[in-house]
Amino acid sequence: MSQEENQEVVTNSLGTLRKFMFEEMVKLRAGDTDPTQAMAMSKLSHQVIESYKVEIAAVVAANSLKDRNQNLVANLHAIPADDAKVIGN
């Protein structure tokens, strides 16, 4: 990974987003920014945060399915061979 690619990963984080949002609030209170721009940043930030929530939910769901599959495989291996023949009929 090049230094430019690495820098992009570092700047595209929730911490950086939080920093920019607080800076925008300070500018808005001081009258150093346009309220329309602040609202646009707020809406965009909300979308970014929602996308993080979707990613987190996907990871949780994938881990849950992985755990269920491991339990299913373990249970199938626990069935005695004679019972397996009955199930197969």
Protein backbone atom coordinates (compact mmCIF):
# COMPACT_ATOMS: atom_id res chain seq x y z
CA MET A 1 0.00 0.00 0.00
CA SER A 2 1.44 3.35 -0.99
CA GLN A 3 1.75 6.24 1.43
CA GLU A 4 -1.08 8.10 -0.38
CA GLU A 5 -3.40 5.10 -0.08
CA ASN A 6 -2.46 4.72 3.59
CA GLN A 7 -3.14 8.42 4.21
CA GLU A 8 -6.61 8.07 2.66
CA VAL A 9 -7.44 5.22 5.04
CA VAL A 10 -6.30 7.30 8.01
CA THR A 11 -8.34 10.36 6.98
CA ASN A 12 -11.49 8.37 6.27
CA SER A 13 -12.27 7.38 9.84
CA LEU A 14 -14.96 8.11 12.37
CA GLY A 15 -12.40 9.98 14.47
CA THR A 16 -11.63 12.31 11.58
CA LEU A 17 -15.33 12.77 10.86
CA ARG A 18 -15.94 13.63 14.51
CA LYS A 19 -13.10 16.17 14.43
CA PHE A 20 -14.49 17.88 11.32
CA MET A 21 -18.01 17.97 12.76
CA PHE A 22 -16.85 19.60 16.00
CA GLU A 23 -14.75 22.07 14.03
CA GLU A 24 -17.82 22.91 11.94
CA MET A 25 -19.88 23.48 15.12
CA VAL A 26 -17.24 25.86 16.46
CA LYS A 27 -17.19 27.75 13.13
CA LEU A 28 -20.99 27.92 13.09
CA ARG A 29 -21.13 29.34 16.62
CA ALA A 30 -18.45 31.89 15.73
CA GLY A 31 -20.27 32.87 12.54
CA ASP A 32 -17.35 31.68 10.41
CA THR A 33 -19.38 29.30 8.24
CA ASP A 34 -22.64 29.30 6.36
CA PRO A 35 -25.53 27.48 8.11
CA THR A 36 -26.39 25.81 4.80
CA GLN A 37 -22.88 24.38 4.55
CA ALA A 38 -23.02 23.22 8.17
CA MET A 39 -26.35 21.49 7.50
CA ALA A 40 -24.93 19.81 4.39
CA MET A 41 -21.95 18.54 6.39
CA SER A 42 -24.29 17.30 9.09
CA LYS A 43 -26.44 15.36 6.61
CA LEU A 44 -23.40 13.88 4.89
CA SER A 45 -21.91 12.90 8.25
CA HIS A 46 -25.17 11.23 9.20
CA GLN A 47 -25.03 9.14 6.02
CA VAL A 48 -21.43 8.12 6.73
CA ILE A 49 -22.36 7.07 10.27
CA GLU A 50 -25.35 5.09 8.99
CA SER A 51 -23.08 3.28 6.52
CA TYR A 52 -20.79 2.31 9.42
CA LYS A 53 -23.82 0.97 11.28
CA VAL A 54 -24.76 -1.17 8.27
CA GLU A 55 -21.21 -2.54 8.05
CA ILE A 56 -21.22 -3.38 11.77
CA ALA A 57 -24.61 -5.10 11.49
CA ALA A 58 -23.32 -7.16 8.55
CA VAL A 59 -20.27 -8.30 10.54
CA VAL A 60 -22.45 -9.21 13.52
CA ALA A 61 -24.82 -11.19 11.29
CA ALA A 62 -21.96 -12.97 9.53
CA ASN A 63 -20.39 -13.92 12.87
CA SER A 64 -23.75 -15.17 14.14
CA LEU A 65 -24.20 -17.37 11.07
CA LYS A 66 -20.64 -18.64 11.41
CA ASP A 67 -21.31 -19.61 15.05
CA ARG A 68 -24.57 -21.34 14.09
CA ASN A 69 -22.88 -23.27 11.29
CA GLN A 70 -20.10 -24.39 13.65
CA ASN A 71 -22.72 -25.60 16.15
CA LEU A 72 -24.62 -27.42 13.39
CA VAL A 73 -21.47 -29.17 12.17
CA ALA A 74 -20.56 -30.13 15.74
CA ASN A 75 -24.05 -31.55 16.31
CA LEU A 76 -23.94 -33.52 13.05
CA HIS A 77 -20.60 -35.05 14.05
CA ALA A 78 -22.11 -36.04 17.40
CA ILE A 79 -24.81 -38.21 15.77
CA PRO A 80 -23.89 -41.90 16.05
CA ALA A 81 -23.30 -43.64 12.74
CA ASP A 82 -26.35 -45.92 13.13
CA ASP A 83 -28.63 -42.92 13.65
CA ALA A 84 -27.14 -41.26 10.59
CA LYS A 85 -28.32 -44.19 8.45
CA VAL A 86 -31.86 -43.80 9.79
CA ILE A 87 -31.83 -40.08 9.05
CA GLY A 88 -30.63 -40.78 5.51
CA ASN A 89 -33.58 -43.14 4.76
